[in-house]
N, C-alpha and C. Protein backbone atom coordinates (compact mmCIF):
# COMPACT_ATOMS: atom_id res chain seq x y z
N MET A 1 0.99 -1.15 -0.05
CA MET A 1 -0.18 -0.07 -0.30
C MET A 1 0.90 1.40 0.03
N SER A 2 0.45 2.19 -0.67
CA SER A 2 1.12 3.31 -0.60
C SER A 2 1.12 4.25 0.35
N ALA A 3 1.81 4.96 0.42
CA ALA A 3 1.87 6.31 1.66
C ALA A 3 0.78 7.20 1.62
N LEU A 4 0.54 7.30 0.24
CA LEU A 4 -0.38 8.54 -0.03
C LEU A 4 -1.32 8.18 -1.01
N LEU A 5 -2.56 9.08 -0.97
CA LEU A 5 -3.48 8.82 -1.88
C LEU A 5 -3.91 9.92 -2.83
N PRO A 6 -3.05 10.42 -3.89
CA PRO A 6 -3.35 11.62 -4.82
C PRO A 6 -4.63 11.96 -4.91
N THR A 7 -5.43 13.01 -4.85
CA THR A 7 -6.38 13.98 -5.18
C THR A 7 -6.66 13.50 -6.54
N PRO A 8 -7.72 12.94 -6.93
CA PRO A 8 -8.06 12.37 -8.25
C PRO A 8 -8.35 13.35 -9.22
N GLY A 9 -7.50 13.66 -10.58
CA GLY A 9 -7.44 14.71 -11.30
C GLY A 9 -6.57 16.21 -10.96
N ALA A 10 -6.17 16.00 -10.18
CA ALA A 10 -5.58 17.30 -9.37
C ALA A 10 -4.29 17.53 -10.13
N GLY A 11 -3.31 16.48 -10.94
CA GLY A 11 -2.54 16.61 -11.62
C GLY A 11 -1.03 16.86 -10.88
N LEU A 12 -0.92 16.66 -9.33
CA LEU A 12 0.15 17.08 -8.84
C LEU A 12 1.02 16.07 -8.63
N VAL A 13 0.88 14.90 -8.87
CA VAL A 13 1.86 13.88 -8.75
C VAL A 13 2.78 13.76 -9.65
N LYS A 14 3.74 14.68 -9.58
CA LYS A 14 4.70 14.69 -10.85
C LYS A 14 5.25 13.29 -11.11
N ARG A 15 5.95 13.01 -10.08
CA ARG A 15 6.64 11.75 -10.42
C ARG A 15 6.93 10.97 -8.75
N PHE A 16 7.03 9.69 -8.86
CA PHE A 16 7.25 8.75 -7.43
C PHE A 16 8.63 8.28 -7.92
N ALA A 17 9.19 8.39 -7.05
CA ALA A 17 10.91 7.88 -7.04
C ALA A 17 11.31 6.90 -5.85
N GLY A 18 12.24 6.27 -5.83
CA GLY A 18 12.87 5.47 -4.61
C GLY A 18 12.24 4.21 -4.46
N GLY A 19 11.37 3.62 -4.75
CA GLY A 19 11.09 2.20 -4.64
C GLY A 19 11.05 1.64 -3.44
N ASP A 20 12.31 1.33 -3.17
CA ASP A 20 12.61 0.77 -1.48
C ASP A 20 12.41 1.75 -0.72
N ALA A 21 12.28 2.59 -0.37
CA ALA A 21 12.32 3.56 0.82
C ALA A 21 11.39 4.83 0.81
N ASN A 22 11.46 5.14 -0.46
CA ASN A 22 10.48 6.58 -0.20
C ASN A 22 9.90 6.88 -1.56
N TRP A 23 8.63 7.99 -1.28
CA TRP A 23 8.10 8.25 -2.52
C TRP A 23 8.37 10.01 -2.57
N LEU A 24 8.50 10.44 -3.60
CA LEU A 24 8.53 11.63 -3.85
C LEU A 24 7.66 12.03 -4.82
N ILE A 25 6.92 13.14 -4.37
CA ILE A 25 5.91 14.03 -5.04
C ILE A 25 6.37 15.32 -5.30
N ALA A 26 6.35 15.75 -6.52
CA ALA A 26 7.14 17.23 -7.01
C ALA A 26 6.15 17.68 -7.65
N LEU A 27 5.72 18.99 -7.34
CA LEU A 27 5.52 19.99 -8.34
C LEU A 27 6.22 20.87 -8.93
N ASP A 28 5.92 21.62 -10.11
CA ASP A 28 6.85 22.27 -10.72
C ASP A 28 6.12 23.63 -10.43
N ARG A 29 6.76 24.78 -11.21
CA ARG A 29 6.40 26.13 -10.98
C ARG A 29 5.38 26.36 -11.39
N GLY A 30 4.48 27.22 -10.59
CA GLY A 30 2.74 27.37 -10.91
C GLY A 30 1.73 26.23 -10.54
N GLN A 31 2.25 25.04 -10.38
CA GLN A 31 1.59 23.87 -9.95
C GLN A 31 1.15 23.83 -8.30
N ARG A 32 -0.15 23.72 -7.88
CA ARG A 32 -0.53 23.55 -6.88
C ARG A 32 -1.51 22.41 -6.76
N GLY A 33 -1.33 21.79 -5.44
CA GLY A 33 -2.33 20.45 -5.15
C GLY A 33 -2.19 20.03 -3.71
N ALA A 34 -3.45 18.71 -3.96
CA ALA A 34 -3.43 18.35 -2.33
C ALA A 34 -3.60 16.90 -2.40
N PHE A 35 -3.37 16.18 -1.49
CA PHE A 35 -3.45 14.90 -1.43
C PHE A 35 -3.60 14.34 0.17
N THR A 36 -4.05 13.39 0.45
CA THR A 36 -4.47 12.61 1.50
C THR A 36 -3.33 11.51 1.85
N LEU A 37 -2.63 11.42 2.96
CA LEU A 37 -1.55 10.50 3.27
C LEU A 37 -2.51 9.23 3.90
N ARG A 38 -1.88 8.24 4.02
CA ARG A 38 -2.57 6.97 4.63
C ARG A 38 -2.89 6.98 5.72
N ASP A 39 -2.65 7.98 6.67
CA ASP A 39 -3.34 8.04 8.03
C ASP A 39 -4.40 9.27 8.05
N GLY A 40 -4.36 9.56 6.90
CA GLY A 40 -6.10 10.65 6.92
C GLY A 40 -5.33 11.88 6.85
N THR A 41 -4.28 12.23 7.06
CA THR A 41 -3.69 13.68 7.03
C THR A 41 -3.68 14.15 5.64
N ARG A 42 -4.11 15.48 5.53
CA ARG A 42 -4.39 16.25 4.26
C ARG A 42 -2.96 17.18 4.18
N ALA A 43 -2.49 17.08 3.30
CA ALA A 43 -1.40 17.88 2.43
C ALA A 43 -1.76 18.98 1.67
N THR A 44 -1.69 20.18 1.50
CA THR A 44 -1.95 21.20 0.78
C THR A 44 -0.65 21.66 0.07
N MET A 45 -0.08 21.49 -1.16
CA MET A 45 1.17 22.01 -1.63
C MET A 45 1.53 23.00 -2.30
N GLY A 46 2.41 24.06 -2.21
CA GLY A 46 2.49 24.99 -3.17
C GLY A 46 3.56 24.79 -4.15
N SER A 47 3.58 25.94 -5.10
CA SER A 47 4.68 25.68 -6.21
C SER A 47 5.90 25.58 -5.91
N GLU A 48 6.39 24.59 -6.61
CA GLU A 48 8.02 24.00 -6.50
C GLU A 48 8.10 23.66 -5.37
N THR A 49 7.14 22.61 -4.84
CA THR A 49 7.35 21.59 -3.52
C THR A 49 7.84 20.57 -3.78
N HIS A 50 8.45 20.09 -3.09
CA HIS A 50 8.76 18.18 -3.11
C HIS A 50 8.64 18.18 -1.50
N ILE A 51 8.05 16.72 -1.58
CA ILE A 51 7.53 16.36 -0.48
C ILE A 51 8.07 14.75 -0.30
N THR A 52 8.67 14.24 0.60
CA THR A 52 9.45 12.68 0.62
C THR A 52 8.60 11.99 1.51
N ILE A 53 8.22 10.79 1.56
CA ILE A 53 7.60 9.98 2.43
C ILE A 53 7.89 8.63 2.53
N ARG A 54 8.48 8.45 3.42
CA ARG A 54 8.96 6.78 3.83
C ARG A 54 7.97 5.50 3.74
N ASP A 55 8.31 4.79 3.36
CA ASP A 55 7.08 3.33 3.12
C ASP A 55 6.70 3.33 4.47
N GLU A 56 7.74 3.32 5.74
CA GLU A 56 6.98 3.27 6.96
C GLU A 56 6.05 4.26 7.27
N PHE A 57 5.77 5.12 6.63
CA PHE A 57 4.51 6.05 6.96
C PHE A 57 3.64 5.40 7.52
N GLY A 58 2.86 6.00 9.01
CA GLY A 58 1.77 5.31 9.11
C GLY A 58 1.75 4.33 10.12
N GLY A 59 2.89 3.64 10.16
CA GLY A 59 3.39 2.34 10.95
C GLY A 59 3.86 2.73 12.22
N THR A 60 5.36 2.94 11.61
CA THR A 60 6.46 2.99 12.91
C THR A 60 6.84 4.66 12.92
N GLN A 61 6.53 5.33 11.87
CA GLN A 61 6.32 6.94 12.11
C GLN A 61 5.60 7.49 11.52
N ARG A 62 5.34 8.70 11.42
CA ARG A 62 4.65 9.56 10.67
C ARG A 62 5.28 10.84 10.23
N THR A 63 6.42 10.73 9.53
CA THR A 63 7.27 12.09 9.19
C THR A 63 7.49 12.11 7.88
N VAL A 64 7.61 13.32 7.41
CA VAL A 64 7.33 13.70 5.89
C VAL A 64 8.62 14.79 6.03
N GLN A 65 9.37 14.78 4.64
CA GLN A 65 10.67 15.69 4.63
C GLN A 65 10.12 16.80 3.60
N ILE A 66 10.08 17.98 3.36
CA ILE A 66 9.92 18.68 2.61
C ILE A 66 10.75 19.96 2.55
N GLU A 67 10.92 20.32 1.03
CA GLU A 67 11.41 21.30 0.51
C GLU A 67 10.52 22.32 -0.31
N GLY A 68 10.03 23.46 0.07
CA GLY A 68 9.18 24.30 -0.58
C GLY A 68 7.78 24.47 0.86
N THR A 69 6.66 24.99 0.17
CA THR A 69 5.66 25.44 1.15
C THR A 69 4.49 24.23 1.19
N ALA A 70 3.92 23.93 2.28
CA ALA A 70 2.63 23.27 2.22
C ALA A 70 1.98 23.42 3.41
N THR A 71 0.90 23.14 3.71
CA THR A 71 0.08 22.84 4.98
C THR A 71 -0.72 21.76 5.05
N PHE A 72 -0.62 21.32 6.49
CA PHE A 72 -0.80 19.62 6.70
C PHE A 72 -2.02 19.92 7.54
N THR A 73 -3.15 19.24 7.44
CA THR A 73 -4.17 19.31 8.52
C THR A 73 -4.23 17.74 9.00
N VAL A 74 -3.62 17.75 10.20
CA VAL A 74 -3.24 16.66 10.72
C VAL A 74 -4.27 15.55 11.36
N THR A 75 -4.44 14.34 11.10
CA THR A 75 -5.31 13.55 11.53
C THR A 75 -4.50 12.66 12.73
N PRO A 76 -5.35 12.81 14.08
CA PRO A 76 -4.47 12.31 15.17
C PRO A 76 -4.46 10.79 14.91
N SER A 77 -2.96 10.13 15.68
CA SER A 77 -2.78 8.74 15.64
C SER A 77 -3.77 7.80 15.88
N ALA A 78 -4.05 6.67 14.99
CA ALA A 78 -4.99 5.95 15.21
C ALA A 78 -4.73 4.86 16.35
N ASN A 79 -3.35 4.63 16.75
CA ASN A 79 -3.24 3.80 18.10
C ASN A 79 -2.89 5.15 19.08
N PRO A 80 -3.22 4.75 20.21
CA PRO A 80 -2.98 5.53 21.41
C PRO A 80 -1.87 5.60 21.73
N GLY A 81 -1.04 6.61 21.93
CA GLY A 81 0.53 6.38 22.27
C GLY A 81 1.45 6.18 20.90
N GLY A 82 0.54 6.12 19.88
CA GLY A 82 1.29 6.00 18.35
C GLY A 82 2.01 7.08 17.88
N PRO A 83 2.74 6.94 16.90
CA PRO A 83 3.93 8.13 16.54
C PRO A 83 3.00 9.25 16.34
N SER A 84 3.73 10.69 16.72
CA SER A 84 3.18 12.01 16.21
C SER A 84 3.48 11.86 15.07
N PHE A 85 2.82 13.20 14.39
CA PHE A 85 2.95 13.81 12.93
C PHE A 85 4.06 14.59 13.01
N ALA A 86 5.40 14.68 12.25
CA ALA A 86 6.36 15.54 12.06
C ALA A 86 6.43 15.74 10.55
N VAL A 87 6.93 17.19 10.38
CA VAL A 87 7.37 17.96 9.15
C VAL A 87 8.89 18.12 9.11
N ARG A 88 9.68 17.76 8.25
CA ARG A 88 11.06 18.11 8.50
C ARG A 88 11.59 19.14 7.34
N ALA A 89 11.98 20.14 7.73
CA ALA A 89 12.35 21.15 6.36
C ALA A 89 13.88 21.52 6.96
N GLY A 90 14.81 20.95 6.28
CA GLY A 90 16.38 20.96 6.24
C GLY A 90 16.55 20.89 7.73
N THR A 91 16.88 21.68 8.46
CA THR A 91 17.42 21.03 9.87
C THR A 91 16.34 21.44 10.89
N VAL A 92 14.98 21.66 10.55
CA VAL A 92 13.92 22.17 11.43
C VAL A 92 12.88 20.90 11.37
N THR A 93 12.69 20.39 12.64
CA THR A 93 11.26 19.62 12.44
C THR A 93 10.04 20.13 13.54
N ALA A 94 9.09 20.48 12.74
CA ALA A 94 7.66 20.65 13.50
C ALA A 94 6.89 19.52 13.80
N THR A 95 6.59 19.40 14.86
CA THR A 95 5.91 18.06 15.53
C THR A 95 4.33 18.46 16.05
N ALA A 96 3.27 18.00 15.51
CA ALA A 96 2.22 18.12 15.88
C ALA A 96 1.97 17.89 17.32
N SER A 97 1.27 18.73 18.27
CA SER A 97 1.11 18.19 19.54
C SER A 97 0.44 16.84 20.17
N GLY A 98 -0.53 16.72 19.47
CA GLY A 98 -1.14 15.46 19.82
C GLY A 98 -2.43 15.60 20.66
N THR A 99 -2.93 16.62 20.42
CA THR A 99 -4.29 16.89 20.92
C THR A 99 -5.33 16.24 21.09
N GLY A 100 -5.53 14.93 20.08
CA GLY A 100 -6.36 13.98 19.50
C GLY A 100 -7.50 14.90 18.83
N GLU A 101 -7.42 16.06 18.21
CA GLU A 101 -7.92 16.84 17.21
C GLU A 101 -7.34 17.13 16.45
N PRO A 102 -7.97 16.94 15.04
CA PRO A 102 -7.16 17.45 14.04
C PRO A 102 -6.06 18.61 14.03
N GLU A 103 -4.98 18.91 13.58
CA GLU A 103 -4.10 20.12 13.84
C GLU A 103 -3.65 20.43 12.49
N LEU A 104 -3.31 21.79 12.54
CA LEU A 104 -2.84 22.31 11.39
C LEU A 104 -1.38 22.51 11.76
N VAL A 105 -0.36 21.95 10.43
CA VAL A 105 0.67 22.38 10.70
C VAL A 105 1.33 22.99 9.37
N ARG A 106 1.92 24.00 9.30
CA ARG A 106 2.66 24.87 8.18
C ARG A 106 4.41 24.84 8.32
């Protein structure tokens, strides 16, 4: 099962790469789009954005790597005490606080 569910007709999935470990979603200049991750988290991507998602997403970890701009509406973990949702951008990591309600991470 893939780590993401692209929005039908959004035209945002430019390419997938890495078969073994990662999925890469890339948007070109002028493109914008949205997709839903396997855990129900919704990502809205800006122009010239790349998001990398590991195959383990939703199981042992819920971390995405981003270059560019995106907003995430985070779904709480399905398992109590499960992994928190996190976004890495360069050397910075933003982690959802785990309030049990959907959260917005920018």
